[in-house]
């Protein structure tokens, strides 16, 4: 039984070579494993046209967008990444002898490797902040994982009682638009939320402190004296620890700066650039907590239940999880340097 599908150029050359060597059609078919019809057809094509390449690739309707058209379409995409299919098709058809439809545009873009995706959300980084990010990244580009193990990371996050599920699609008939089962209810400000402050290092997961209303300098001073200080002195008794905090206004208050100056012989406050959540691994721990909250079988119905759920999830984060985040710091620093202070994938 012969092979299915078209023959490659090499296989066609074998057929021609066998026939020219004096083998019959039957002998060639038995030797190469092709059917007698295939042997006969390939040899006749070679005798008539002197070619062994397949002609089937030229069969079918000619593609409306050739290589030059693909380059033109690629330039349109590079000029406006947010352009819709209709806008791309309209711009492409200008000054073109043969116009195309949106379906052809979609097919061509997919063939070129383009797909419609949601853009990544990243903080806006000004030119000044780019320089500040580089000023912090360059001195730490040679830090190893062992060096980053001496850093304690901290941050504040807020978790809403009712979070958005994004765009939701349902199945309904035309007259069922106000049916209760076809509605998605919304609450202002997400129905309230819980704000927490947390810290951790490579060695251990630190405390998670609920914050009542807003974090001002006075409230932050209590956190620093009641939680940061005992954590740093216990984990780094040799005074070789670094404490990381972002540039929130309460972190730069005079009473906070004075407190850190009084305790600078016990640990060092790590200089930190603005607009740099990609450099703080605790951001990924907030994502872990958020995902676990969404995955709960029974969702919290009030703020007290939400706070208890957050504290429970935080306490059960695995050691491998936060250690892996600290171990990514050398790669994060390299990514900032490669982006020249700009946004990274972290």
Protein backbone atom coordinates (compact mmCIF):
# COMPACT_ATOMS: atom_id res chain seq x y z
CA UNK A 1 0.00 0.00 0.00
CA UNK A 2 1.46 3.36 -1.02
CA UNK A 3 2.13 6.32 1.25
CA UNK A 4 -0.54 8.96 1.75
CA UNK A 5 0.01 12.63 1.05
CA UNK A 6 2.36 14.41 -1.31
CA UNK A 7 5.98 13.31 -1.74
CA UNK A 8 8.90 15.44 -0.71
CA UNK A 9 11.44 16.62 -3.26
CA UNK A 10 13.92 14.04 -1.96
CA UNK A 11 11.42 11.21 -2.39
CA UNK A 12 10.61 12.38 -5.91
CA UNK A 13 14.31 12.39 -6.71
CA UNK A 14 14.56 8.79 -5.47
CA UNK A 15 11.74 7.79 -7.82
CA UNK A 16 13.42 9.44 -10.81
CA UNK A 17 16.77 7.93 -9.88
CA UNK A 18 15.31 4.43 -9.63
CA UNK A 19 13.60 4.68 -13.03
CA UNK A 20 16.72 6.09 -14.69
CA UNK A 21 18.76 3.27 -13.17
CA UNK A 22 16.68 0.88 -15.28
CA UNK A 23 14.23 -0.39 -12.68
CA UNK A 24 10.68 -1.01 -13.84
CA UNK A 25 7.64 0.66 -12.33
CA UNK A 26 6.85 -2.42 -10.25
CA UNK A 27 10.45 -2.81 -9.08
CA UNK A 28 10.66 0.91 -8.15
CA UNK A 29 7.37 0.70 -6.26
CA UNK A 30 8.52 -2.37 -4.31
CA UNK A 31 11.92 -0.83 -3.53
CA UNK A 32 10.67 2.60 -2.39
CA UNK A 33 7.32 1.60 -0.89
CA UNK A 34 5.20 3.83 -3.14
CA UNK A 35 2.30 2.81 -5.33
CA UNK A 36 2.81 2.03 -9.02
CA UNK A 37 0.57 4.99 -9.90
CA UNK A 38 2.77 7.34 -7.90
CA UNK A 39 5.94 6.02 -9.52
CA UNK A 40 4.44 6.46 -12.98
CA UNK A 41 3.09 9.95 -12.31
CA UNK A 42 6.29 11.33 -10.79
CA UNK A 43 8.47 9.96 -13.60
CA UNK A 44 6.13 11.31 -16.29
CA UNK A 45 6.23 14.76 -14.69
CA UNK A 46 10.00 14.66 -14.67
CA UNK A 47 10.19 13.59 -18.31
CA UNK A 48 7.74 16.32 -19.36
CA UNK A 49 8.97 19.26 -17.26
CA UNK A 50 12.37 18.19 -15.95
CA UNK A 51 11.34 18.98 -12.36
CA UNK A 52 11.06 16.86 -9.25
CA UNK A 53 9.48 19.52 -7.04
CA UNK A 54 5.80 19.25 -6.15
CA UNK A 55 3.39 21.50 -7.97
CA UNK A 56 0.60 21.07 -5.43
CA UNK A 57 1.85 23.99 -3.34
CA UNK A 58 0.69 26.33 -6.11
CA UNK A 59 -2.81 24.88 -6.10
CA UNK A 60 -5.81 26.65 -4.62
CA UNK A 61 -6.80 30.29 -4.45
CA UNK A 62 -3.96 32.77 -4.37
CA UNK A 63 -3.48 34.54 -1.02
CA UNK A 64 -4.83 38.09 -1.16
CA UNK A 65 -2.07 39.39 1.14
CA UNK A 66 1.39 38.59 -0.16
CA UNK A 67 4.69 39.11 1.63
CA UNK A 68 4.70 42.81 0.77
CA UNK A 69 1.16 43.15 2.09
CA UNK A 70 2.15 41.44 5.33
CA UNK A 71 4.98 43.92 5.80
CA UNK A 72 2.50 46.76 5.24
CA UNK A 73 0.10 45.26 7.77
CA UNK A 74 2.94 44.78 10.25
CA UNK A 75 3.79 48.50 10.00
CA UNK A 76 0.17 49.37 10.73
CA UNK A 77 0.24 47.22 13.86
CA UNK A 78 3.51 48.76 15.04
CA UNK A 79 2.08 52.25 14.51
CA UNK A 80 -1.06 51.59 16.57
CA UNK A 81 -1.17 48.53 18.81
CA UNK A 82 -4.73 49.34 19.90
CA UNK A 83 -6.23 49.52 16.43
CA UNK A 84 -9.32 47.36 15.84
CA UNK A 85 -9.72 44.92 12.95
CA UNK A 86 -11.98 47.39 11.19
CA UNK A 87 -9.42 50.21 11.54
CA UNK A 88 -6.55 48.00 10.35
CA UNK A 89 -8.58 46.80 7.36
CA UNK A 90 -9.59 50.37 6.43
CA UNK A 91 -6.01 51.64 6.62
CA UNK A 92 -4.71 48.64 4.67
CA UNK A 93 -7.21 49.07 1.84
CA UNK A 94 -6.16 52.66 1.21
CA UNK A 95 -4.24 53.00 -2.08
CA UNK A 96 -4.57 49.26 -2.67
CA UNK A 97 -5.90 47.90 -5.97
CA UNK A 98 -7.52 44.89 -4.32
CA UNK A 99 -9.28 45.39 -1.00
CA UNK A 100 -9.66 42.77 1.71
CA UNK A 101 -12.29 42.13 4.37
CA UNK A 102 -11.89 41.97 8.15
CA UNK A 103 -11.86 38.17 8.10
CA UNK A 104 -8.87 38.20 5.75
CA UNK A 105 -7.14 40.72 8.00
CA UNK A 106 -7.71 38.48 11.03
CA UNK A 107 -6.42 35.40 9.19
CA UNK A 108 -3.34 37.26 7.97
CA UNK A 109 -2.52 38.63 11.43
CA UNK A 110 -2.75 35.17 12.96
CA UNK A 111 -0.52 33.79 10.22
CA UNK A 112 1.98 36.53 11.07
CA UNK A 113 1.90 35.53 14.74
CA UNK A 114 -0.26 38.39 16.06
CA UNK A 115 -3.07 37.69 18.54
CA UNK A 116 -5.42 40.01 20.40
CA UNK A 117 -4.40 40.09 24.06
CA UNK A 118 -5.07 42.26 27.07
CA UNK A 119 -2.11 44.59 27.74
CA UNK A 120 -0.08 44.16 30.90
CA UNK A 121 -0.80 46.81 33.52
CA UNK A 122 2.41 48.47 34.67
CA UNK A 123 3.07 51.65 36.67
CA UNK A 124 3.90 54.83 34.78
CA UNK A 125 7.61 55.48 35.23
CA UNK A 126 8.86 58.98 34.52
CA UNK A 127 12.32 59.78 33.20
CA UNK A 128 13.39 60.91 36.66
CA UNK A 129 12.19 57.69 38.27
CA UNK A 130 13.95 55.64 35.59
CA UNK A 131 17.21 57.22 36.69
CA UNK A 132 16.42 56.54 40.33
CA UNK A 133 15.66 52.90 39.58
CA UNK A 134 19.02 52.58 37.83
CA UNK A 135 20.76 54.29 40.73
CA UNK A 136 19.44 51.56 43.03
CA UNK A 137 19.87 48.64 40.64
CA UNK A 138 23.48 49.28 39.65
CA UNK A 139 24.99 49.03 43.17
CA UNK A 140 23.08 45.77 43.69
CA UNK A 141 23.80 44.09 40.36
CA UNK A 142 26.49 41.92 41.93
CA UNK A 143 24.43 40.94 44.95
CA UNK A 144 23.89 37.20 45.23
CA UNK A 145 20.95 35.35 46.74
CA UNK A 146 22.95 35.13 49.99
CA UNK A 147 23.06 38.93 50.10
CA UNK A 148 19.32 39.26 49.48
CA UNK A 149 18.63 36.84 52.33
CA UNK A 150 19.56 39.69 54.68
CA UNK A 151 16.70 41.89 53.44
CA UNK A 152 13.29 42.07 55.12
CA UNK A 153 10.53 43.16 52.71
CA UNK A 154 7.44 45.13 53.69
CA UNK A 155 4.38 46.65 52.07
CA UNK A 156 0.72 47.58 52.51
CA UNK A 157 -2.17 46.06 50.59
CA UNK A 158 -5.95 46.37 50.56
CA UNK A 159 -8.37 43.50 49.92
CA UNK A 160 -11.97 44.21 48.97
CA UNK A 161 -14.97 42.35 50.34
CA UNK A 162 -16.52 42.21 46.88
CA UNK A 163 -14.00 42.01 44.07
CA UNK A 164 -14.66 42.36 40.38
CA UNK A 165 -14.73 39.20 38.29
CA UNK A 166 -13.96 41.11 35.10
CA UNK A 167 -16.15 40.72 32.05
CA UNK A 168 -18.79 38.06 32.61
CA UNK A 169 -20.82 36.51 29.79
CA UNK A 170 -24.16 34.75 30.25
CA UNK A 171 -26.69 32.89 28.11
CA UNK A 172 -30.10 34.57 27.92
CA UNK A 173 -32.97 35.22 25.56
CA UNK A 174 -33.79 38.65 24.16
CA UNK A 175 -36.51 39.41 26.74
CA UNK A 176 -34.53 38.14 29.76
CA UNK A 177 -32.19 41.10 30.15
CA UNK A 178 -33.65 42.06 33.59
CA UNK A 179 -34.12 38.52 34.89
CA UNK A 180 -32.44 38.26 38.36
CA UNK A 181 -30.38 35.27 37.18
CA UNK A 182 -29.02 37.40 34.32
CA UNK A 183 -27.85 40.35 36.44
CA UNK A 184 -24.50 41.11 38.08
CA UNK A 185 -24.83 43.27 41.18
CA UNK A 186 -22.28 45.96 42.03
CA UNK A 187 -21.43 47.74 45.29
CA UNK A 188 -19.70 51.09 45.65
CA UNK A 189 -16.03 50.82 46.65
CA UNK A 190 -16.25 47.04 46.54
CA UNK A 191 -18.41 46.90 49.70
CA UNK A 192 -15.50 47.98 51.85
CA UNK A 193 -12.20 46.27 52.42
CA UNK A 194 -9.42 45.36 54.82
CA UNK A 195 -6.00 47.01 54.72
CA UNK A 196 -3.03 45.09 56.05
CA UNK A 197 0.70 45.67 56.49
CA UNK A 198 3.07 42.75 56.22
CA UNK A 199 6.74 41.85 56.08
CA UNK A 200 8.87 38.80 55.39
CA UNK A 201 12.40 37.69 54.65
CA UNK A 202 13.97 34.62 53.09
CA UNK A 203 14.18 33.02 56.53
CA UNK A 204 10.62 33.42 57.78
CA UNK A 205 7.22 34.89 57.06
CA UNK A 206 6.80 37.96 59.24
CA UNK A 207 3.74 39.46 60.93
CA UNK A 208 0.62 40.60 59.09
CA UNK A 209 -0.94 43.62 60.82
CA UNK A 210 -4.50 44.80 60.06
CA UNK A 211 -4.79 48.59 59.73
CA UNK A 212 -7.94 50.24 61.05
CA UNK A 213 -8.65 53.21 58.77
CA UNK A 214 -5.64 54.84 57.19
CA UNK A 215 -1.92 54.45 57.66
CA UNK A 216 -0.49 57.75 58.86
CA UNK A 217 2.89 58.47 60.41
CA UNK A 218 1.69 57.82 63.97
CA UNK A 219 0.18 54.43 63.08
CA UNK A 220 3.25 53.49 61.07
CA UNK A 221 5.52 54.40 63.99
CA UNK A 222 3.65 51.90 66.16
CA UNK A 223 4.13 49.23 63.49
CA UNK A 224 7.84 49.98 63.18
CA UNK A 225 8.45 49.89 66.95
CA UNK A 226 6.14 46.94 67.73
CA UNK A 227 6.82 44.69 64.73
CA UNK A 228 9.75 45.81 62.57
CA UNK A 229 12.19 46.34 65.41
CA UNK A 230 11.73 42.95 67.14
CA UNK A 231 11.71 41.17 63.77
CA UNK A 232 14.99 42.75 62.64
CA UNK A 233 16.81 42.30 65.96
CA UNK A 234 15.71 38.67 66.21
CA UNK A 235 16.42 37.63 62.62
CA UNK A 236 19.63 39.67 62.24
CA UNK A 237 21.31 39.86 65.67
CA UNK A 238 24.63 40.76 64.02
CA UNK A 239 23.14 44.05 62.75
CA UNK A 240 23.69 43.00 59.14
CA UNK A 241 20.02 43.15 58.16
CA UNK A 242 18.34 45.53 55.69
CA UNK A 243 14.75 46.76 56.01
CA UNK A 244 12.91 47.60 52.81
CA UNK A 245 10.02 50.04 52.60
CA UNK A 246 8.58 52.02 49.70
CA UNK A 247 8.28 55.80 49.41
CA UNK A 248 4.82 56.26 50.91
CA UNK A 249 4.40 59.69 52.58
CA UNK A 250 4.08 58.20 56.07
CA UNK A 251 7.39 56.34 55.56
CA UNK A 252 9.20 59.62 54.95
CA UNK A 253 7.72 61.50 57.92
CA UNK A 254 10.17 63.16 60.30
CA UNK A 255 9.24 61.01 63.30
CA UNK A 256 9.84 57.88 61.22
CA UNK A 257 13.19 59.10 59.91
CA UNK A 258 14.30 60.05 63.41
CA UNK A 259 13.32 56.63 64.76
CA UNK A 260 15.37 54.85 62.10
CA UNK A 261 18.34 57.13 62.84
CA UNK A 262 18.18 56.17 66.51
CA UNK A 263 18.32 52.46 65.56
CA UNK A 264 20.77 52.63 62.63
CA UNK A 265 23.27 50.58 64.65
CA UNK A 266 20.84 47.63 64.66
CA UNK A 267 19.84 47.46 60.99
CA UNK A 268 19.94 49.51 57.79
CA UNK A 269 17.01 50.97 55.88
CA UNK A 270 17.41 49.96 52.24
CA UNK A 271 17.29 52.84 49.78
CA UNK A 272 14.33 52.22 47.51
CA UNK A 273 13.31 53.80 44.16
CA UNK A 274 9.77 55.10 43.53
CA UNK A 275 7.28 53.28 41.29
CA UNK A 276 9.07 49.95 41.70
CA UNK A 277 6.60 47.22 42.71
CA UNK A 278 8.37 44.88 40.30
CA UNK A 279 11.41 44.97 42.58
CA UNK A 280 9.47 44.09 45.73
CA UNK A 281 8.75 40.34 45.95
CA UNK A 282 6.04 40.86 48.56
CA UNK A 283 3.76 42.04 45.74
CA UNK A 284 3.57 38.43 44.59
CA UNK A 285 2.55 37.34 48.09
CA UNK A 286 -0.40 39.75 47.86
CA UNK A 287 -1.33 38.01 44.61
CA UNK A 288 -1.20 34.66 46.39
CA UNK A 289 -3.57 35.94 49.08
CA UNK A 290 -5.93 37.40 46.48
CA UNK A 291 -6.08 34.16 44.50
CA UNK A 292 -6.73 32.11 47.64
CA UNK A 293 -9.53 34.49 48.65
CA UNK A 294 -11.20 34.03 45.27
CA UNK A 295 -10.84 30.26 45.53
CA UNK A 296 -12.61 29.97 48.89
CA UNK A 297 -15.64 27.69 48.85
CA UNK A 298 -17.46 30.03 51.24
CA UNK A 299 -16.69 33.69 50.57
CA UNK A 300 -16.58 36.20 53.45
CA UNK A 301 -19.77 38.19 53.91
CA UNK A 302 -18.42 40.88 56.25
CA UNK A 303 -15.14 42.63 56.98
CA UNK A 304 -14.46 40.58 60.11
CA UNK A 305 -14.67 37.32 58.15
CA UNK A 306 -12.54 38.84 55.39
CA UNK A 307 -9.82 39.81 57.87
CA UNK A 308 -9.81 36.34 59.43
CA UNK A 309 -9.53 34.75 55.96
CA UNK A 310 -6.61 36.99 55.01
CA UNK A 311 -4.72 36.23 58.22
CA UNK A 312 -5.31 32.50 57.78
CA UNK A 313 -4.12 32.50 54.17
CA UNK A 314 -1.02 34.52 55.07
CA UNK A 315 -0.09 32.12 57.87
CA UNK A 316 -0.31 29.14 55.52
CA UNK A 317 1.90 30.48 52.71
CA UNK A 318 4.58 27.87 52.13
CA UNK A 319 8.23 28.55 52.85
CA UNK A 320 9.17 27.46 49.34
CA UNK A 321 6.87 30.15 47.95
CA UNK A 322 8.43 33.21 49.60
CA UNK A 323 11.97 31.84 49.43
CA UNK A 324 11.59 31.39 45.67
CA UNK A 325 10.55 35.06 45.42
CA UNK A 326 13.66 36.26 47.25
CA UNK A 327 15.81 34.04 45.05
CA UNK A 328 14.46 35.90 42.00
CA UNK A 329 16.00 39.23 43.10
CA UNK A 330 19.21 38.93 41.01
CA UNK A 331 17.05 38.37 37.93
CA UNK A 332 14.83 41.33 38.81
CA UNK A 333 17.84 43.63 39.12
CA UNK A 334 19.16 42.45 35.75
CA UNK A 335 15.75 43.03 34.19
CA UNK A 336 15.71 46.65 35.42
CA UNK A 337 19.20 47.25 34.07
CA UNK A 338 18.28 45.68 30.74
CA UNK A 339 15.15 47.86 30.52
CA UNK A 340 17.28 50.93 31.37
CA UNK A 341 15.12 51.66 34.37
CA UNK A 342 11.85 50.99 32.58
CA UNK A 343 9.08 48.45 33.21
CA UNK A 344 9.89 44.76 33.55
CA UNK A 345 7.86 41.54 33.39
CA UNK A 346 7.97 41.10 37.17
